[in-house]
Amino acid sequence: MDGKLSITYVPVRDLKSSLKFYRDQLGLEEAWRMGDSTVAFKLPGTDIELMIDLFEEGAPDTVGPMFLIPSVDAFYAANQGTMEFVRKPADIPPGRWATVKDPSGNCLYFYDSSKSQ
């Protein structure tokens, strides 16, 4: 895989109580926000962020790593027959993303920044 771990993704049921926990109790510093449903925090001593995002009922999402890769579409084309994609490539700011489940049912997220280039 040509990419790097960039974000730890944490789906949450309630953004307000999650903000209180991650920001106010753990003391993590907010890095950025996207709308009213997504907040990322800096993780001390790393270049990796922790992103909390409102959980969509019925979505396959679990806590998992997000890898920044050169092209989600190329990754999907190369692996669609050998990996279980639970989310096919889709648009997100700043590019595209897809989700793969490992053999134990854990999600791994892959995204690119193709729309910001």
C-alpha atoms as a PDB file:
ATOM      1  CA  MET A   1       0.000   0.000   0.000  1.00  0.00           C
ATOM      2  CA  ASP A   2       1.290   3.410  -0.961  1.00  0.00           C
ATOM      3  CA  GLY A   3       0.006   5.753   1.748  1.00  0.00           C
ATOM      4  CA  LYS A   4       0.300   6.836   5.351  1.00  0.00           C
ATOM      5  CA  LEU A   5      -1.776   6.695   8.510  1.00  0.00           C
ATOM      6  CA  SER A   6      -3.291  10.140   8.863  1.00  0.00           C
ATOM      7  CA  ILE A   7      -6.423   9.944  11.034  1.00  0.00           C
ATOM      8  CA  THR A   8      -8.032   7.679  13.602  1.00  0.00           C
ATOM      9  CA  TYR A   9     -11.745   7.667  12.821  1.00  0.00           C
ATOM     10  CA  VAL A  10     -14.216   7.462  15.717  1.00  0.00           C
ATOM     11  CA  PRO A  11     -17.944   7.415  14.887  1.00  0.00           C
ATOM     12  CA  VAL A  12     -20.011   8.893  17.750  1.00  0.00           C
ATOM     13  CA  ARG A  13     -23.707   8.984  18.594  1.00  0.00           C
ATOM     14  CA  ASP A  14     -23.728  12.456  20.172  1.00  0.00           C
ATOM     15  CA  LEU A  15     -21.294  15.166  19.090  1.00  0.00           C
ATOM     16  CA  LYS A  16     -21.883  17.455  22.084  1.00  0.00           C
ATOM     17  CA  SER A  17     -21.074  14.832  24.725  1.00  0.00           C
ATOM     18  CA  SER A  18     -18.164  13.550  22.624  1.00  0.00           C
ATOM     19  CA  LEU A  19     -16.713  17.070  22.417  1.00  0.00           C
ATOM     20  CA  LYS A  20     -16.928  17.347  26.182  1.00  0.00           C
ATOM     21  CA  PHE A  21     -15.083  14.063  26.553  1.00  0.00           C
ATOM     22  CA  TYR A  22     -12.301  14.475  23.959  1.00  0.00           C
ATOM     23  CA  ARG A  23     -11.759  18.226  24.306  1.00  0.00           C
ATOM     24  CA  ASP A  24     -12.731  19.067  27.876  1.00  0.00           C
ATOM     25  CA  GLN A  25     -11.883  15.863  29.777  1.00  0.00           C
ATOM     26  CA  LEU A  26      -8.955  14.515  27.744  1.00  0.00           C
ATOM     27  CA  GLY A  27      -7.716  18.000  26.860  1.00  0.00           C
ATOM     28  CA  LEU A  28      -7.208  17.372  23.131  1.00  0.00           C
ATOM     29  CA  GLU A  29      -6.785  20.474  20.994  1.00  0.00           C
ATOM     30  CA  GLU A  30      -9.253  20.959  18.157  1.00  0.00           C
ATOM     31  CA  ALA A  31      -7.572  20.888  14.735  1.00  0.00           C
ATOM     32  CA  TRP A  32     -10.538  21.517  12.407  1.00  0.00           C
ATOM     33  CA  ARG A  33     -14.298  21.119  11.945  1.00  0.00           C
ATOM     34  CA  MET A  34     -16.539  20.224   9.061  1.00  0.00           C
ATOM     35  CA  GLY A  35     -20.115  21.392   9.515  1.00  0.00           C
ATOM     36  CA  ASP A  36     -22.016  20.321  12.604  1.00  0.00           C
ATOM     37  CA  SER A  37     -21.084  16.657  12.475  1.00  0.00           C
ATOM     38  CA  THR A  38     -17.292  16.292  12.295  1.00  0.00           C
ATOM     39  CA  VAL A  39     -14.468  17.520  14.535  1.00  0.00           C
ATOM     40  CA  ALA A  40     -10.791  16.541  14.426  1.00  0.00           C
ATOM     41  CA  PHE A  41      -8.292  16.828  17.259  1.00  0.00           C
ATOM     42  CA  LYS A  42      -4.517  16.983  17.297  1.00  0.00           C
ATOM     43  CA  LEU A  43      -2.910  14.002  18.989  1.00  0.00           C
ATOM     44  CA  PRO A  44       0.082  15.193  21.008  1.00  0.00           C
ATOM     45  CA  GLY A  45       3.498  14.184  19.706  1.00  0.00           C
ATOM     46  CA  THR A  46       2.185  12.879  16.359  1.00  0.00           C
ATOM     47  CA  ASP A  47       1.067  14.019  12.925  1.00  0.00           C
ATOM     48  CA  ILE A  48      -2.058  11.864  13.312  1.00  0.00           C
ATOM     49  CA  GLU A  49      -5.446  13.347  14.120  1.00  0.00           C
ATOM     50  CA  LEU A  50      -8.412  11.832  15.932  1.00  0.00           C
ATOM     51  CA  MET A  51     -11.631  12.565  14.045  1.00  0.00           C
ATOM     52  CA  ILE A  52     -15.052  12.204  15.638  1.00  0.00           C
ATOM     53  CA  ASP A  53     -18.012  12.041  13.305  1.00  0.00           C
ATOM     54  CA  LEU A  54     -21.731  11.596  13.922  1.00  0.00           C
ATOM     55  CA  PHE A  55     -22.678   7.959  13.437  1.00  0.00           C
ATOM     56  CA  GLU A  56     -25.237   7.319  10.722  1.00  0.00           C
ATOM     57  CA  GLU A  57     -27.729   4.657  11.799  1.00  0.00           C
ATOM     58  CA  GLY A  58     -27.183   1.543   9.734  1.00  0.00           C
ATOM     59  CA  ALA A  59     -23.759   2.635   8.464  1.00  0.00           C
ATOM     60  CA  PRO A  60     -21.044  -0.037   8.541  1.00  0.00           C
ATOM     61  CA  ASP A  61     -18.577   2.280  10.290  1.00  0.00           C
ATOM     62  CA  THR A  62     -16.405   1.198  13.219  1.00  0.00           C
ATOM     63  CA  VAL A  63     -13.475   2.861  14.928  1.00  0.00           C
ATOM     64  CA  GLY A  64     -10.510   2.491  12.612  1.00  0.00           C
ATOM     65  CA  PRO A  65      -7.480   3.975  10.899  1.00  0.00           C
ATOM     66  CA  MET A  66      -7.739   6.335   7.923  1.00  0.00           C
ATOM     67  CA  PHE A  67      -4.966   6.150   5.381  1.00  0.00           C
ATOM     68  CA  LEU A  68      -4.138   8.993   3.009  1.00  0.00           C
ATOM     69  CA  ILE A  69      -3.346   7.386  -0.352  1.00  0.00           C
ATOM     70  CA  PRO A  70      -2.592   8.803  -3.817  1.00  0.00           C
ATOM     71  CA  SER A  71      -5.852   7.619  -5.434  1.00  0.00           C
ATOM     72  CA  VAL A  72      -8.884   5.931  -3.914  1.00  0.00           C
ATOM     73  CA  ASP A  73     -10.187   5.019  -7.358  1.00  0.00           C
ATOM     74  CA  ALA A  74      -6.920   3.307  -8.322  1.00  0.00           C
ATOM     75  CA  PHE A  75      -6.846   1.495  -4.945  1.00  0.00           C
ATOM     76  CA  TYR A  76     -10.421   0.309  -5.477  1.00  0.00           C
ATOM     77  CA  ALA A  77      -9.708  -0.856  -9.038  1.00  0.00           C
ATOM     78  CA  ALA A  78      -6.644  -2.815  -7.884  1.00  0.00           C
ATOM     79  CA  ASN A  79      -8.331  -4.438  -4.861  1.00  0.00           C
ATOM     80  CA  GLN A  80     -12.077  -4.752  -5.454  1.00  0.00           C
ATOM     81  CA  GLY A  81     -11.878  -8.490  -6.049  1.00  0.00           C
ATOM     82  CA  THR A  82      -9.635  -9.237  -3.075  1.00  0.00           C
ATOM     83  CA  MET A  83     -10.996  -6.983  -0.307  1.00  0.00           C
ATOM     84  CA  GLU A  84     -14.475  -6.494   1.142  1.00  0.00           C
ATOM     85  CA  PHE A  85     -15.424  -2.915   0.280  1.00  0.00           C
ATOM     86  CA  VAL A  86     -18.346  -1.843   2.458  1.00  0.00           C
ATOM     87  CA  ARG A  87     -18.235   1.674   1.040  1.00  0.00           C
ATOM     88  CA  LYS A  88     -17.266   2.087  -2.596  1.00  0.00           C
ATOM     89  CA  PRO A  89     -15.369   5.233  -3.623  1.00  0.00           C
ATOM     90  CA  ALA A  90     -17.402   8.375  -2.968  1.00  0.00           C
ATOM     91  CA  ASP A  91     -16.817  12.109  -2.922  1.00  0.00           C
ATOM     92  CA  ILE A  92     -15.864  13.871   0.311  1.00  0.00           C
ATOM     93  CA  PRO A  93     -14.026  17.087   0.968  1.00  0.00           C
ATOM     94  CA  PRO A  94     -11.124  17.130  -0.014  1.00  0.00           C
ATOM     95  CA  GLY A  95     -11.347  14.192  -2.449  1.00  0.00           C
ATOM     96  CA  ARG A  96     -12.592  10.597  -2.415  1.00  0.00           C
ATOM     97  CA  TRP A  97     -12.859   7.845   0.180  1.00  0.00           C
ATOM     98  CA  ALA A  98     -13.709   4.148   0.485  1.00  0.00           C
ATOM     99  CA  THR A  99     -14.074   1.690   3.355  1.00  0.00           C
ATOM    100  CA  VAL A 100     -12.754  -1.860   3.600  1.00  0.00           C
ATOM    101  CA  LYS A 101     -13.557  -4.470   6.263  1.00  0.00           C
ATOM    102  CA  ASP A 102     -10.798  -6.749   7.475  1.00  0.00           C
ATOM    103  CA  PRO A 103     -11.477 -10.466   8.115  1.00  0.00           C
ATOM    104  CA  SER A 104     -12.568  -9.651  11.711  1.00  0.00           C
ATOM    105  CA  GLY A 105     -15.078  -6.985  10.646  1.00  0.00           C
ATOM    106  CA  ASN A 106     -12.969  -3.934  11.522  1.00  0.00           C
ATOM    107  CA  CYS A 107     -13.144  -0.977   9.149  1.00  0.00           C
ATOM    108  CA  LEU A 108     -10.144   0.578   7.441  1.00  0.00           C
ATOM    109  CA  TYR A 109     -10.689   3.878   5.673  1.00  0.00           C
ATOM    110  CA  PHE A 110      -8.826   5.125   2.621  1.00  0.00           C
ATOM    111  CA  TYR A 111      -9.013   8.681   1.305  1.00  0.00           C
ATOM    112  CA  ASP A 112      -7.237  10.957  -1.118  1.00  0.00           C
ATOM    113  CA  SER A 113      -7.024  14.700  -1.594  1.00  0.00           C
ATOM    114  CA  SER A 114      -7.789  14.654  -5.313  1.00  0.00           C
ATOM    115  CA  LYS A 115     -10.209  17.605  -5.146  1.00  0.00           C
ATOM    116  CA  SER A 116      -7.776  19.933  -3.396  1.00  0.00           C
ATOM    117  CA  GLN A 117      -5.028  19.639  -6.001  1.00  0.00           C
END
